[in-house]
Protein backbone atom coordinates (compact mmCIF):
# COMPACT_ATOMS: atom_id res chain seq x y z
CA UNK A 1 160.86 150.04 150.74
CA UNK A 2 159.15 153.26 149.77
CA UNK A 3 160.50 156.20 151.71
CA UNK A 4 160.71 159.91 151.97
CA UNK A 5 163.81 161.64 153.36
CA UNK A 6 162.30 161.87 156.84
CA UNK A 7 161.57 158.13 157.14
CA UNK A 8 164.78 156.67 155.70
CA UNK A 9 166.53 155.00 158.62
CA UNK A 10 169.79 156.52 159.79
CA UNK A 11 171.25 153.05 160.31
CA UNK A 12 174.14 152.35 157.96
CA UNK A 13 173.30 151.83 154.31
CA UNK A 14 175.39 150.67 151.39
CA UNK A 15 175.24 153.17 148.56
CA UNK A 16 176.54 152.98 145.00
CA UNK A 17 177.59 156.23 143.33
CA UNK A 18 178.52 156.70 139.67
CA UNK A 19 181.46 158.95 138.78
CA UNK A 20 181.98 160.46 135.35
CA UNK A 21 184.23 163.05 133.76
CA UNK A 22 184.81 164.23 130.20
CA UNK A 23 186.62 167.56 130.65
CA UNK A 24 190.21 168.27 131.66
CA UNK A 25 192.38 165.57 133.20
CA UNK A 26 189.53 163.11 133.60
CA UNK A 27 191.46 160.43 135.48
CA UNK A 28 193.00 162.96 137.89
CA UNK A 29 189.51 164.34 138.58
CA UNK A 30 188.10 160.89 139.33
CA UNK A 31 191.09 160.11 141.57
CA UNK A 32 190.66 163.42 143.41
CA UNK A 33 186.95 162.84 143.98
CA UNK A 34 187.61 159.30 145.21
CA UNK A 35 190.35 160.51 147.54
CA UNK A 36 188.02 163.18 148.97
CA UNK A 37 185.29 160.57 149.53
CA UNK A 38 187.84 158.36 151.28
CA UNK A 39 188.95 161.30 153.42
CA UNK A 40 185.42 162.06 154.66
CA UNK A 41 184.10 164.89 152.47
CA UNK A 42 180.61 163.41 152.99
CA UNK A 43 179.83 163.35 156.74
CA UNK A 44 178.99 159.93 158.16
CA UNK A 45 180.17 158.24 154.97
CA UNK A 46 183.16 156.07 154.16
CA UNK A 47 184.49 154.72 150.90
CA UNK A 48 184.53 150.92 150.72
CA UNK A 49 185.50 149.97 147.15
CA UNK A 50 186.02 151.33 143.64
CA UNK A 51 185.18 149.70 140.33
CA UNK A 52 187.48 149.67 137.34
CA UNK A 53 187.47 152.81 135.19
CA UNK A 54 185.84 152.63 131.75
CA UNK A 55 186.24 154.95 128.78
CA UNK A 56 182.90 155.56 127.06
CA UNK A 57 181.39 157.40 124.14
CA UNK A 58 179.31 160.40 125.23
CA UNK A 59 175.53 160.51 125.19
CA UNK A 60 173.86 163.61 123.79
CA UNK A 61 175.68 166.47 122.07
CA UNK A 62 178.97 166.27 124.01
CA UNK A 63 181.89 165.25 121.79
CA UNK A 64 184.50 164.37 124.41
CA UNK A 65 184.68 160.78 125.66
CA UNK A 66 184.02 160.04 129.32
CA UNK A 67 185.78 158.12 132.01
CA UNK A 68 183.25 156.36 134.25
CA UNK A 69 183.42 154.32 137.44
CA UNK A 70 181.27 153.39 140.44
CA UNK A 71 182.18 153.57 144.12
CA UNK A 72 180.61 151.70 146.99
CA UNK A 73 180.03 153.77 150.13
CA UNK A 74 178.80 152.98 153.62
CA UNK A 75 176.81 155.86 155.10
CA UNK A 76 174.66 156.90 158.02
CA UNK A 77 173.64 160.06 156.15
CA UNK A 78 170.17 160.53 154.74
CA UNK A 79 169.83 160.42 150.93
CA UNK A 80 169.20 164.16 150.51
CA UNK A 81 172.19 165.02 152.74
CA UNK A 82 174.50 162.67 150.85
CA UNK A 83 173.30 164.10 147.53
CA UNK A 84 174.10 167.61 148.78
CA UNK A 85 177.61 166.49 149.79
CA UNK A 86 178.13 164.90 146.36
CA UNK A 87 176.96 168.05 144.58
CA UNK A 88 179.36 170.08 146.73
CA UNK A 89 182.15 167.76 145.64
CA UNK A 90 181.16 168.33 142.00
CA UNK A 91 181.34 172.11 142.53
CA UNK A 92 184.79 171.80 144.11
CA UNK A 93 185.89 170.16 140.86
CA UNK A 94 184.51 172.95 138.67
CA UNK A 95 181.15 171.43 137.74
CA UNK A 96 178.64 173.79 136.14
CA UNK A 97 174.98 173.08 135.40
CA UNK A 98 173.82 175.16 132.46
CA UNK A 99 172.20 172.60 130.20
CA UNK A 100 171.39 168.91 130.14
CA UNK A 101 173.98 166.61 128.55
CA UNK A 102 176.72 169.26 128.66
CA UNK A 103 180.34 168.24 129.09
CA UNK A 104 181.40 168.15 132.74
CA UNK A 105 184.48 168.03 134.88
CA UNK A 106 182.77 165.73 137.38
CA UNK A 107 179.37 164.09 137.53
CA UNK A 108 178.30 162.12 140.63
CA UNK A 109 175.00 160.24 140.65
CA UNK A 110 173.42 158.26 143.46
CA UNK A 111 172.51 154.95 141.84
CA UNK A 112 171.27 152.54 144.50
CA UNK A 113 170.66 152.89 148.24
CA UNK A 114 170.67 149.52 150.03
CA UNK A 115 169.19 149.86 153.50
CA UNK A 116 168.66 147.17 156.14
CA UNK A 117 165.47 146.02 154.38
CA UNK A 118 166.71 146.14 150.80
CA UNK A 119 166.81 148.79 148.10
CA UNK A 120 165.23 152.10 148.97
CA UNK A 121 162.80 153.61 146.48
CA UNK A 122 162.66 157.37 146.72
CA UNK A 123 161.03 160.01 144.53
CA UNK A 124 161.85 163.55 145.64
CA UNK A 125 162.49 166.69 143.59
CA UNK A 126 166.06 166.29 142.32
CA UNK A 127 166.53 162.75 143.67
CA UNK A 128 165.12 159.43 142.54
CA UNK A 129 166.32 156.09 143.84
CA UNK A 130 167.19 153.84 142.27
CA UNK A 131 168.57 156.09 139.54
CA UNK A 132 165.93 156.18 136.78
CA UNK A 133 168.43 155.66 133.93
CA UNK A 134 170.55 152.98 135.60
CA UNK A 135 169.00 150.02 133.78
CA UNK A 136 169.71 151.55 130.34
CA UNK A 137 173.36 152.61 130.76
CA UNK A 138 176.24 150.21 130.30
CA UNK A 139 178.67 152.83 131.60
CA UNK A 140 176.91 152.55 134.97
CA UNK A 141 176.03 148.86 134.90
CA UNK A 142 179.49 147.51 133.96
CA UNK A 143 181.26 149.19 136.89
CA UNK A 144 178.35 148.28 139.19
CA UNK A 145 178.66 144.64 138.08
CA UNK A 146 182.36 144.75 138.97
CA UNK A 147 181.39 145.61 142.56
CA UNK A 148 178.04 143.90 143.09
CA UNK A 149 177.00 141.58 140.24
CA UNK A 150 174.11 140.04 142.21
CA UNK A 151 172.69 143.38 143.37
CA UNK A 152 169.05 143.85 142.35
CA UNK A 153 169.01 147.61 141.76
CA UNK A 154 165.35 147.90 140.77
CA UNK A 155 164.17 148.63 144.29
CA UNK A 156 162.08 145.48 144.46
CA UNK A 157 163.08 143.60 147.62
CA UNK A 158 164.60 140.32 146.44
CA UNK A 159 162.93 140.58 143.04
CA UNK A 160 163.84 141.90 139.65
CA UNK A 161 166.94 141.33 137.57
CA UNK A 162 170.45 141.49 138.97
CA UNK A 163 172.98 144.06 137.77
CA UNK A 164 174.73 141.41 135.69
CA UNK A 165 171.42 140.39 134.07
CA UNK A 166 170.57 144.02 133.28
CA UNK A 167 173.97 144.54 131.63
CA UNK A 168 173.65 141.34 129.59
CA UNK A 169 170.20 142.42 128.36
CA UNK A 170 171.39 145.76 126.92
CA UNK A 171 171.32 145.74 123.11
CA UNK A 172 174.60 146.40 121.30
CA UNK A 173 173.21 149.61 119.78
CA UNK A 174 172.97 151.39 123.14
CA UNK A 175 176.35 150.34 124.51
CA UNK A 176 178.92 153.10 124.97
CA UNK A 177 181.95 151.42 126.58
CA UNK A 178 185.08 151.67 124.44
CA UNK A 179 187.68 150.28 126.87
CA UNK A 180 188.42 149.32 130.46
CA UNK A 181 191.46 151.15 131.82
CA UNK A 182 194.21 149.52 133.87
CA UNK A 183 194.32 152.43 136.34
CA UNK A 184 192.64 152.02 139.73
CA UNK A 185 190.93 154.74 141.77
CA UNK A 186 191.35 152.99 145.13
């Protein structure tokens, strides 16, 4: 489904959001963000499930390792409104945006928006769905597979590879996952 923010239905959608942190108490930050999502920080949105947490090598110039996870949300919000709520949550956790690839206290990315007719494709300034880097990042795909292995995140209704197939196809040279943690976020 191709959509712009004014035509995306306000009927409930299932949304997958990536969480990442590589500054400060990373696990406490992810737990805090998850708790705030559970407690309704994003209007019309509720937290359904959390993936395991993975420790990963950083991409780009950052030297600190990341903790990454994915949460599954159910929302009646529109994509742009949910993105604004997520960016507000990042700010509440000390996120700054000075340069690309910089270290961050909290990074939240909308990955996939599953509406009543399948994955929503959206290209707006500051928001693309599905996330344009999703298919190339094991630190997003592995936690997504833990929640929805048969999800077809490519935005092609019923077509395209599943999340588990995308993860399996990633070459060893681009993989960043070091370990899966025992700690749970929810």
